[in-house]
Full PDB file with SEQRES, HELIX, SHEET, SSBOND, CRYST1, ORIGX, SCALE, CONECT and MASTER records, all heavy atoms in Angstrom:
SEQRES   1 A   34  ALA SER LEU GLY ASN LEU ALA LEU LEU ALA ALA PHE VAL          
SEQRES   2 A   34  VAL ALA SER TYR ALA ALA THR ILE SER VAL VAL GLY ALA          
SEQRES   3 A   34  ARG ARG ARG SER THR PRO PHE ILE                              
HELIX    1 AA1 SER A    2  ARG A   28  1                                  27    
CRYST1    1.000    1.000    1.000  90.00  90.00  90.00 P 1           1          
ORIGX1      1.000000  0.000000  0.000000        0.00000                         
ORIGX2      0.000000  1.000000  0.000000        0.00000                         
ORIGX3      0.000000  0.000000  1.000000        0.00000                         
SCALE1      1.000000  0.000000  0.000000        0.00000                         
SCALE2      0.000000  1.000000  0.000000        0.00000                         
SCALE3      0.000000  0.000000  1.000000        0.00000                         
ATOM      1  N   ALA A   1      12.657  17.974  -9.703  1.00  0.00           N  
ATOM      2  CA  ALA A   1      12.002  16.886 -10.457  1.00  0.00           C  
ATOM      3  C   ALA A   1      12.259  15.606  -9.788  1.00  0.00           C  
ATOM      4  O   ALA A   1      11.342  14.706  -9.901  1.00  0.00           O  
ATOM      5  CB  ALA A   1      12.524  16.906 -11.911  1.00  0.00           C  
ATOM      6  N   SER A   2      13.410  15.380  -9.264  1.00  0.00           N  
ATOM      7  CA  SER A   2      13.734  14.063  -8.631  1.00  0.00           C  
ATOM      8  C   SER A   2      12.883  13.919  -7.418  1.00  0.00           C  
ATOM      9  O   SER A   2      12.541  12.713  -7.102  1.00  0.00           O  
ATOM     10  CB  SER A   2      15.217  13.965  -8.299  1.00  0.00           C  
ATOM     11  OG  SER A   2      15.603  15.071  -7.403  1.00  0.00           O  
ATOM     12  N   LEU A   3      12.462  14.912  -6.730  1.00  0.00           N  
ATOM     13  CA  LEU A   3      11.573  14.847  -5.587  1.00  0.00           C  
ATOM     14  C   LEU A   3      10.210  14.239  -5.955  1.00  0.00           C  
ATOM     15  O   LEU A   3       9.625  13.453  -5.369  1.00  0.00           O  
ATOM     16  CB  LEU A   3      11.415  16.164  -4.812  1.00  0.00           C  
ATOM     17  CG  LEU A   3      10.453  16.167  -3.650  1.00  0.00           C  
ATOM     18  CD1 LEU A   3      10.889  15.247  -2.531  1.00  0.00           C  
ATOM     19  CD2 LEU A   3      10.336  17.582  -3.013  1.00  0.00           C  
ATOM     20  N   GLY A   4       9.707  14.875  -7.072  1.00  0.00           N  
ATOM     21  CA  GLY A   4       8.434  14.437  -7.665  1.00  0.00           C  
ATOM     22  C   GLY A   4       8.460  12.957  -8.157  1.00  0.00           C  
ATOM     23  O   GLY A   4       7.594  12.129  -7.814  1.00  0.00           O  
ATOM     24  N   ASN A   5       9.583  12.565  -8.776  1.00  0.00           N  
ATOM     25  CA  ASN A   5       9.684  11.199  -9.244  1.00  0.00           C  
ATOM     26  C   ASN A   5       9.811  10.239  -7.954  1.00  0.00           C  
ATOM     27  O   ASN A   5       9.208   9.158  -7.984  1.00  0.00           O  
ATOM     28  CB  ASN A   5      11.002  10.949  -9.995  1.00  0.00           C  
ATOM     29  CG  ASN A   5      10.816  11.563 -11.447  1.00  0.00           C  
ATOM     30  OD1 ASN A   5       9.701  11.594 -11.984  1.00  0.00           O  
ATOM     31  ND2 ASN A   5      11.914  11.877 -12.105  1.00  0.00           N  
ATOM     32  N   LEU A   6      10.538  10.612  -6.963  1.00  0.00           N  
ATOM     33  CA  LEU A   6      10.686   9.836  -5.776  1.00  0.00           C  
ATOM     34  C   LEU A   6       9.262   9.690  -5.050  1.00  0.00           C  
ATOM     35  O   LEU A   6       8.912   8.656  -4.566  1.00  0.00           O  
ATOM     36  CB  LEU A   6      11.658  10.445  -4.827  1.00  0.00           C  
ATOM     37  CG  LEU A   6      11.913   9.666  -3.471  1.00  0.00           C  
ATOM     38  CD1 LEU A   6      12.492   8.300  -3.819  1.00  0.00           C  
ATOM     39  CD2 LEU A   6      12.859  10.513  -2.572  1.00  0.00           C  
ATOM     40  N   ALA A   7       8.546  10.737  -4.981  1.00  0.00           N  
ATOM     41  CA  ALA A   7       7.156  10.751  -4.429  1.00  0.00           C  
ATOM     42  C   ALA A   7       6.313   9.692  -5.159  1.00  0.00           C  
ATOM     43  O   ALA A   7       5.428   9.019  -4.557  1.00  0.00           O  
ATOM     44  CB  ALA A   7       6.553  12.179  -4.316  1.00  0.00           C  
ATOM     45  N   LEU A   8       6.342   9.766  -6.511  1.00  0.00           N  
ATOM     46  CA  LEU A   8       5.468   8.935  -7.272  1.00  0.00           C  
ATOM     47  C   LEU A   8       5.918   7.483  -7.053  1.00  0.00           C  
ATOM     48  O   LEU A   8       5.022   6.583  -6.974  1.00  0.00           O  
ATOM     49  CB  LEU A   8       5.551   9.288  -8.790  1.00  0.00           C  
ATOM     50  CG  LEU A   8       4.838  10.621  -9.099  1.00  0.00           C  
ATOM     51  CD1 LEU A   8       5.054  10.883 -10.597  1.00  0.00           C  
ATOM     52  CD2 LEU A   8       3.309  10.472  -8.908  1.00  0.00           C  
ATOM     53  N   LEU A   9       7.176   7.251  -7.081  1.00  0.00           N  
ATOM     54  CA  LEU A   9       7.628   5.821  -6.853  1.00  0.00           C  
ATOM     55  C   LEU A   9       7.168   5.363  -5.516  1.00  0.00           C  
ATOM     56  O   LEU A   9       6.763   4.203  -5.319  1.00  0.00           O  
ATOM     57  CB  LEU A   9       9.197   5.753  -7.057  1.00  0.00           C  
ATOM     58  CG  LEU A   9       9.757   4.435  -6.765  1.00  0.00           C  
ATOM     59  CD1 LEU A   9       9.278   3.406  -7.807  1.00  0.00           C  
ATOM     60  CD2 LEU A   9      11.275   4.518  -6.802  1.00  0.00           C  
ATOM     61  N   ALA A  10       7.483   6.143  -4.527  1.00  0.00           N  
ATOM     62  CA  ALA A  10       6.986   5.744  -3.157  1.00  0.00           C  
ATOM     63  C   ALA A  10       5.467   5.554  -3.097  1.00  0.00           C  
ATOM     64  O   ALA A  10       5.000   4.688  -2.428  1.00  0.00           O  
ATOM     65  CB  ALA A  10       7.457   6.854  -2.122  1.00  0.00           C  
ATOM     66  N   ALA A  11       4.733   6.419  -3.711  1.00  0.00           N  
ATOM     67  CA  ALA A  11       3.263   6.221  -3.791  1.00  0.00           C  
ATOM     68  C   ALA A  11       2.871   4.913  -4.410  1.00  0.00           C  
ATOM     69  O   ALA A  11       1.982   4.199  -3.976  1.00  0.00           O  
ATOM     70  CB  ALA A  11       2.601   7.395  -4.451  1.00  0.00           C  
ATOM     71  N   PHE A  12       3.566   4.484  -5.468  1.00  0.00           N  
ATOM     72  CA  PHE A  12       3.251   3.267  -6.118  1.00  0.00           C  
ATOM     73  C   PHE A  12       3.576   2.021  -5.187  1.00  0.00           C  
ATOM     74  O   PHE A  12       2.799   1.100  -5.020  1.00  0.00           O  
ATOM     75  CB  PHE A  12       4.061   3.122  -7.397  1.00  0.00           C  
ATOM     76  CG  PHE A  12       3.975   1.669  -8.004  1.00  0.00           C  
ATOM     77  CD1 PHE A  12       2.872   1.378  -8.708  1.00  0.00           C  
ATOM     78  CD2 PHE A  12       4.984   0.820  -7.953  1.00  0.00           C  
ATOM     79  CE1 PHE A  12       2.666   0.211  -9.299  1.00  0.00           C  
ATOM     80  CE2 PHE A  12       4.841  -0.449  -8.590  1.00  0.00           C  
ATOM     81  CZ  PHE A  12       3.664  -0.718  -9.263  1.00  0.00           C  
ATOM     82  N   VAL A  13       4.662   2.111  -4.444  1.00  0.00           N  
ATOM     83  CA  VAL A  13       5.085   1.025  -3.525  1.00  0.00           C  
ATOM     84  C   VAL A  13       4.070   0.980  -2.433  1.00  0.00           C  
ATOM     85  O   VAL A  13       3.645  -0.083  -2.024  1.00  0.00           O  
ATOM     86  CB  VAL A  13       6.497   1.290  -3.064  1.00  0.00           C  
ATOM     87  CG1 VAL A  13       6.831   0.242  -1.843  1.00  0.00           C  
ATOM     88  CG2 VAL A  13       7.496   1.077  -4.200  1.00  0.00           C  
ATOM     89  N   VAL A  14       3.699   2.118  -1.792  1.00  0.00           N  
ATOM     90  CA  VAL A  14       2.770   2.131  -0.694  1.00  0.00           C  
ATOM     91  C   VAL A  14       1.436   1.664  -1.170  1.00  0.00           C  
ATOM     92  O   VAL A  14       0.703   1.004  -0.463  1.00  0.00           O  
ATOM     93  CB  VAL A  14       2.801   3.476   0.016  1.00  0.00           C  
ATOM     94  CG1 VAL A  14       1.710   3.537   1.076  1.00  0.00           C  
ATOM     95  CG2 VAL A  14       4.173   3.779   0.626  1.00  0.00           C  
ATOM     96  N   ALA A  15       1.043   2.019  -2.321  1.00  0.00           N  
ATOM     97  CA  ALA A  15      -0.258   1.620  -2.819  1.00  0.00           C  
ATOM     98  C   ALA A  15      -0.375   0.167  -2.968  1.00  0.00           C  
ATOM     99  O   ALA A  15      -1.424  -0.476  -2.794  1.00  0.00           O  
ATOM    100  CB  ALA A  15      -0.695   2.398  -4.112  1.00  0.00           C  
ATOM    101  N   SER A  16       0.761  -0.403  -3.520  1.00  0.00           N  
ATOM    102  CA  SER A  16       0.773  -1.863  -3.780  1.00  0.00           C  
ATOM    103  C   SER A  16       0.660  -2.574  -2.349  1.00  0.00           C  
ATOM    104  O   SER A  16      -0.051  -3.535  -2.218  1.00  0.00           O  
ATOM    105  CB  SER A  16       2.105  -2.293  -4.302  1.00  0.00           C  
ATOM    106  OG  SER A  16       2.199  -1.652  -5.648  1.00  0.00           O  
ATOM    107  N   TYR A  17       1.411  -2.059  -1.343  1.00  0.00           N  
ATOM    108  CA  TYR A  17       1.277  -2.585   0.011  1.00  0.00           C  
ATOM    109  C   TYR A  17      -0.138  -2.369   0.512  1.00  0.00           C  
ATOM    110  O   TYR A  17      -0.671  -3.402   1.154  1.00  0.00           O  
ATOM    111  CB  TYR A  17       2.356  -1.867   0.959  1.00  0.00           C  
ATOM    112  CG  TYR A  17       2.048  -2.183   2.440  1.00  0.00           C  
ATOM    113  CD1 TYR A  17       2.462  -3.348   2.999  1.00  0.00           C  
ATOM    114  CD2 TYR A  17       1.338  -1.286   3.221  1.00  0.00           C  
ATOM    115  CE1 TYR A  17       2.286  -3.588   4.316  1.00  0.00           C  
ATOM    116  CE2 TYR A  17       1.116  -1.493   4.570  1.00  0.00           C  
ATOM    117  CZ  TYR A  17       1.574  -2.662   5.038  1.00  0.00           C  
ATOM    118  OH  TYR A  17       1.258  -3.019   6.420  1.00  0.00           O  
ATOM    119  N   ALA A  18      -0.738  -1.222   0.393  1.00  0.00           N  
ATOM    120  CA  ALA A  18      -2.078  -1.040   0.862  1.00  0.00           C  
ATOM    121  C   ALA A  18      -3.119  -2.037   0.260  1.00  0.00           C  
ATOM    122  O   ALA A  18      -3.957  -2.567   0.961  1.00  0.00           O  
ATOM    123  CB  ALA A  18      -2.485   0.401   0.601  1.00  0.00           C  
ATOM    124  N   ALA A  19      -3.038  -2.197  -1.014  1.00  0.00           N  
ATOM    125  CA  ALA A  19      -4.004  -3.165  -1.689  1.00  0.00           C  
ATOM    126  C   ALA A  19      -3.768  -4.599  -1.178  1.00  0.00           C  
ATOM    127  O   ALA A  19      -4.682  -5.257  -0.845  1.00  0.00           O  
ATOM    128  CB  ALA A  19      -3.724  -3.027  -3.193  1.00  0.00           C  
ATOM    129  N   THR A  20      -2.496  -4.988  -1.151  1.00  0.00           N  
ATOM    130  CA  THR A  20      -2.204  -6.392  -0.681  1.00  0.00           C  
ATOM    131  C   THR A  20      -2.683  -6.635   0.766  1.00  0.00           C  
ATOM    132  O   THR A  20      -3.267  -7.568   1.056  1.00  0.00           O  
ATOM    133  CB  THR A  20      -0.715  -6.675  -0.867  1.00  0.00           C  
ATOM    134  OG1 THR A  20      -0.346  -6.367  -2.175  1.00  0.00           O  
ATOM    135  CG2 THR A  20      -0.331  -8.041  -0.475  1.00  0.00           C  
ATOM    136  N   ILE A  21      -2.221  -5.681   1.623  1.00  0.00           N  
ATOM    137  CA  ILE A  21      -2.568  -5.958   3.059  1.00  0.00           C  
ATOM    138  C   ILE A  21      -4.061  -5.763   3.290  1.00  0.00           C  
ATOM    139  O   ILE A  21      -4.602  -6.443   4.199  1.00  0.00           O  
ATOM    140  CB  ILE A  21      -1.801  -4.981   4.025  1.00  0.00           C  
ATOM    141  CG1 ILE A  21      -1.612  -5.528   5.311  1.00  0.00           C  
ATOM    142  CG2 ILE A  21      -2.382  -3.583   4.035  1.00  0.00           C  
ATOM    143  CD1 ILE A  21      -0.658  -6.708   5.486  1.00  0.00           C  
ATOM    144  N   SER A  22      -4.768  -5.015   2.531  1.00  0.00           N  
ATOM    145  CA  SER A  22      -6.170  -4.843   2.677  1.00  0.00           C  
ATOM    146  C   SER A  22      -6.927  -6.182   2.260  1.00  0.00           C  
ATOM    147  O   SER A  22      -7.859  -6.573   2.985  1.00  0.00           O  
ATOM    148  CB  SER A  22      -6.686  -3.705   1.923  1.00  0.00           C  
ATOM    149  OG  SER A  22      -6.299  -2.481   2.425  1.00  0.00           O  
ATOM    150  N   VAL A  23      -6.478  -6.763   1.147  1.00  0.00           N  
ATOM    151  CA  VAL A  23      -7.118  -8.006   0.736  1.00  0.00           C  
ATOM    152  C   VAL A  23      -6.780  -9.097   1.756  1.00  0.00           C  
ATOM    153  O   VAL A  23      -7.628  -9.948   2.033  1.00  0.00           O  
ATOM    154  CB  VAL A  23      -6.536  -8.334  -0.732  1.00  0.00           C  
ATOM    155  CG1 VAL A  23      -6.944  -9.821  -1.076  1.00  0.00           C  
ATOM    156  CG2 VAL A  23      -7.088  -7.410  -1.743  1.00  0.00           C  
ATOM    157  N   VAL A  24      -5.572  -9.162   2.232  1.00  0.00           N  
ATOM    158  CA  VAL A  24      -5.197 -10.262   3.200  1.00  0.00           C  
ATOM    159  C   VAL A  24      -5.959 -10.042   4.495  1.00  0.00           C  
ATOM    160  O   VAL A  24      -6.503 -10.998   4.993  1.00  0.00           O  
ATOM    161  CB  VAL A  24      -3.692 -10.140   3.501  1.00  0.00           C  
ATOM    162  CG1 VAL A  24      -3.279 -11.006   4.690  1.00  0.00           C  
ATOM    163  CG2 VAL A  24      -2.908 -10.651   2.288  1.00  0.00           C  
ATOM    164  N   GLY A  25      -6.135  -8.742   4.899  1.00  0.00           N  
ATOM    165  CA  GLY A  25      -6.866  -8.475   6.083  1.00  0.00           C  
ATOM    166  C   GLY A  25      -8.387  -8.846   5.911  1.00  0.00           C  
ATOM    167  O   GLY A  25      -9.066  -9.308   6.844  1.00  0.00           O  
ATOM    168  N   ALA A  26      -8.977  -8.610   4.790  1.00  0.00           N  
ATOM    169  CA  ALA A  26     -10.355  -8.921   4.507  1.00  0.00           C  
ATOM    170  C   ALA A  26     -10.545 -10.479   4.443  1.00  0.00           C  
ATOM    171  O   ALA A  26     -11.570 -11.017   4.996  1.00  0.00           O  
ATOM    172  CB  ALA A  26     -10.767  -8.400   3.193  1.00  0.00           C  
ATOM    173  N   ARG A  27      -9.572 -11.106   3.879  1.00  0.00           N  
ATOM    174  CA  ARG A  27      -9.773 -12.602   3.867  1.00  0.00           C  
ATOM    175  C   ARG A  27      -9.597 -13.256   5.200  1.00  0.00           C  
ATOM    176  O   ARG A  27     -10.252 -14.259   5.533  1.00  0.00           O  
ATOM    177  CB  ARG A  27      -8.745 -13.233   2.889  1.00  0.00           C  
ATOM    178  CG  ARG A  27      -9.136 -12.977   1.414  1.00  0.00           C  
ATOM    179  CD  ARG A  27      -8.147 -13.610   0.519  1.00  0.00           C  
ATOM    180  NE  ARG A  27      -8.462 -13.467  -0.887  1.00  0.00           N  
ATOM    181  CZ  ARG A  27      -8.792 -14.328  -1.717  1.00  0.00           C  
ATOM    182  NH1 ARG A  27      -8.673 -15.527  -1.458  1.00  0.00           N  
ATOM    183  NH2 ARG A  27      -9.110 -13.977  -2.917  1.00  0.00           N  
ATOM    184  N   ARG A  28      -8.635 -12.689   6.008  1.00  0.00           N  
ATOM    185  CA  ARG A  28      -8.476 -13.227   7.344  1.00  0.00           C  
ATOM    186  C   ARG A  28      -9.344 -12.688   8.425  1.00  0.00           C  
ATOM    187  O   ARG A  28      -9.375 -13.062   9.543  1.00  0.00           O  
ATOM    188  CB  ARG A  28      -7.035 -13.088   7.774  1.00  0.00           C  
ATOM    189  CG  ARG A  28      -6.066 -13.813   6.992  1.00  0.00           C  
ATOM    190  CD  ARG A  28      -4.650 -13.657   7.589  1.00  0.00           C  
ATOM    191  NE  ARG A  28      -3.624 -14.433   6.748  1.00  0.00           N  
ATOM    192  CZ  ARG A  28      -2.368 -14.316   6.983  1.00  0.00           C  
ATOM    193  NH1 ARG A  28      -1.916 -13.586   8.001  1.00  0.00           N  
ATOM    194  NH2 ARG A  28      -1.517 -14.970   6.247  1.00  0.00           N  
ATOM    195  N   ARG A  29     -10.169 -11.648   7.956  1.00  0.00           N  
ATOM    196  CA  ARG A  29     -10.982 -10.807   8.916  1.00  0.00           C  
ATOM    197  C   ARG A  29     -10.113 -10.329  10.028  1.00  0.00           C  
ATOM    198  O   ARG A  29     -10.531 -10.392  11.217  1.00  0.00           O  
ATOM    199  CB  ARG A  29     -12.106 -11.720   9.393  1.00  0.00           C  
ATOM    200  CG  ARG A  29     -13.022 -12.117   8.402  1.00  0.00           C  
ATOM    201  CD  ARG A  29     -14.209 -13.054   8.900  1.00  0.00           C  
ATOM    202  NE  ARG A  29     -14.985 -13.610   7.867  1.00  0.00           N  
ATOM    203  CZ  ARG A  29     -15.966 -13.123   7.278  1.00  0.00           C  
ATOM    204  NH1 ARG A  29     -16.458 -11.897   7.543  1.00  0.00           N  
ATOM    205  NH2 ARG A  29     -16.623 -13.794   6.291  1.00  0.00           N  
ATOM    206  N   SER A  30      -9.044  -9.766   9.676  1.00  0.00           N  
ATOM    207  CA  SER A  30      -8.067  -9.178  10.688  1.00  0.00           C  
ATOM    208  C   SER A  30      -8.155  -7.660  10.658  1.00  0.00           C  
ATOM    209  O   SER A  30      -7.742  -7.011   9.725  1.00  0.00           O  
ATOM    210  CB  SER A  30      -6.623  -9.645  10.290  1.00  0.00           C  
ATOM    211  OG  SER A  30      -5.666  -9.024  11.164  1.00  0.00           O  
ATOM    212  N   THR A  31      -8.595  -7.120  11.746  1.00  0.00           N  
ATOM    213  CA  THR A  31      -8.846  -5.677  11.815  1.00  0.00           C  
ATOM    214  C   THR A  31      -7.511  -4.885  11.849  1.00  0.00           C  
ATOM    215  O   THR A  31      -7.366  -3.864  11.057  1.00  0.00           O  
ATOM    216  CB  THR A  31      -9.581  -5.288  13.146  1.00  0.00           C  
ATOM    217  OG1 THR A  31     -10.789  -6.013  13.160  1.00  0.00           O  
ATOM    218  CG2 THR A  31      -9.866  -3.826  13.324  1.00  0.00           C  
ATOM    219  N   PRO A  32      -6.425  -5.381  12.372  1.00  0.00           N  
ATOM    220  CA  PRO A  32      -5.184  -4.622  12.259  1.00  0.00           C  
ATOM    221  C   PRO A  32      -4.638  -4.511  10.885  1.00  0.00           C  
ATOM    222  O   PRO A  32      -4.113  -3.488  10.514  1.00  0.00           O  
ATOM    223  CB  PRO A  32      -4.187  -5.426  13.116  1.00  0.00           C  
ATOM    224  CG  PRO A  32      -5.081  -6.177  14.174  1.00  0.00           C  
ATOM    225  CD  PRO A  32      -6.283  -6.470  13.435  1.00  0.00           C  
ATOM    226  N   PHE A  33      -4.796  -5.625  10.068  1.00  0.00           N  
ATOM    227  CA  PHE A  33      -4.329  -5.519   8.764  1.00  0.00           C  
ATOM    228  C   PHE A  33      -5.130  -4.536   7.850  1.00  0.00           C  
ATOM    229  O   PHE A  33      -4.668  -3.759   7.142  1.00  0.00           O  
ATOM    230  CB  PHE A  33      -4.433  -6.916   8.103  1.00  0.00           C  
ATOM    231  CG  PHE A  33      -3.324  -7.868   8.347  1.00  0.00           C  
ATOM    232  CD1 PHE A  33      -2.345  -7.547   9.275  1.00  0.00           C  
ATOM    233  CD2 PHE A  33      -3.330  -9.060   7.745  1.00  0.00           C  
ATOM    234  CE1 PHE A  33      -1.336  -8.366   9.630  1.00  0.00           C  
ATOM    235  CE2 PHE A  33      -2.208  -9.948   8.057  1.00  0.00           C  
ATOM    236  CZ  PHE A  33      -1.282  -9.644   8.933  1.00  0.00           C  
ATOM    237  N   ILE A  34      -6.458  -4.513   8.181  1.00  0.00           N  
ATOM    238  CA  ILE A  34      -7.292  -3.641   7.377  1.00  0.00           C  
ATOM    239  C   ILE A  34      -7.001  -2.174   7.767  1.00  0.00           C  
ATOM    240  O   ILE A  34      -6.916  -1.276   6.978  1.00  0.00           O  
ATOM    241  CB  ILE A  34      -8.845  -3.928   7.670  1.00  0.00           C  
ATOM    242  CG1 ILE A  34      -9.133  -5.283   7.114  1.00  0.00           C  
ATOM    243  CG2 ILE A  34      -9.728  -2.854   7.015  1.00  0.00           C  
ATOM    244  CD1 ILE A  34     -10.509  -5.796   7.435  1.00  0.00           C  
TER     245      ILE A  34                                                      
MASTER        0    0    0    1    0    0    0    6  244    1    0    3          
END                                                                             
């Protein structure tokens, strides 16, 4: 169960990063960020 909880927590953190970096990349028109 702790593996499942850890996977969900990591997915939340990575999803937050993905959303943030995608918006920043779109605003700056930066292909590496996207």
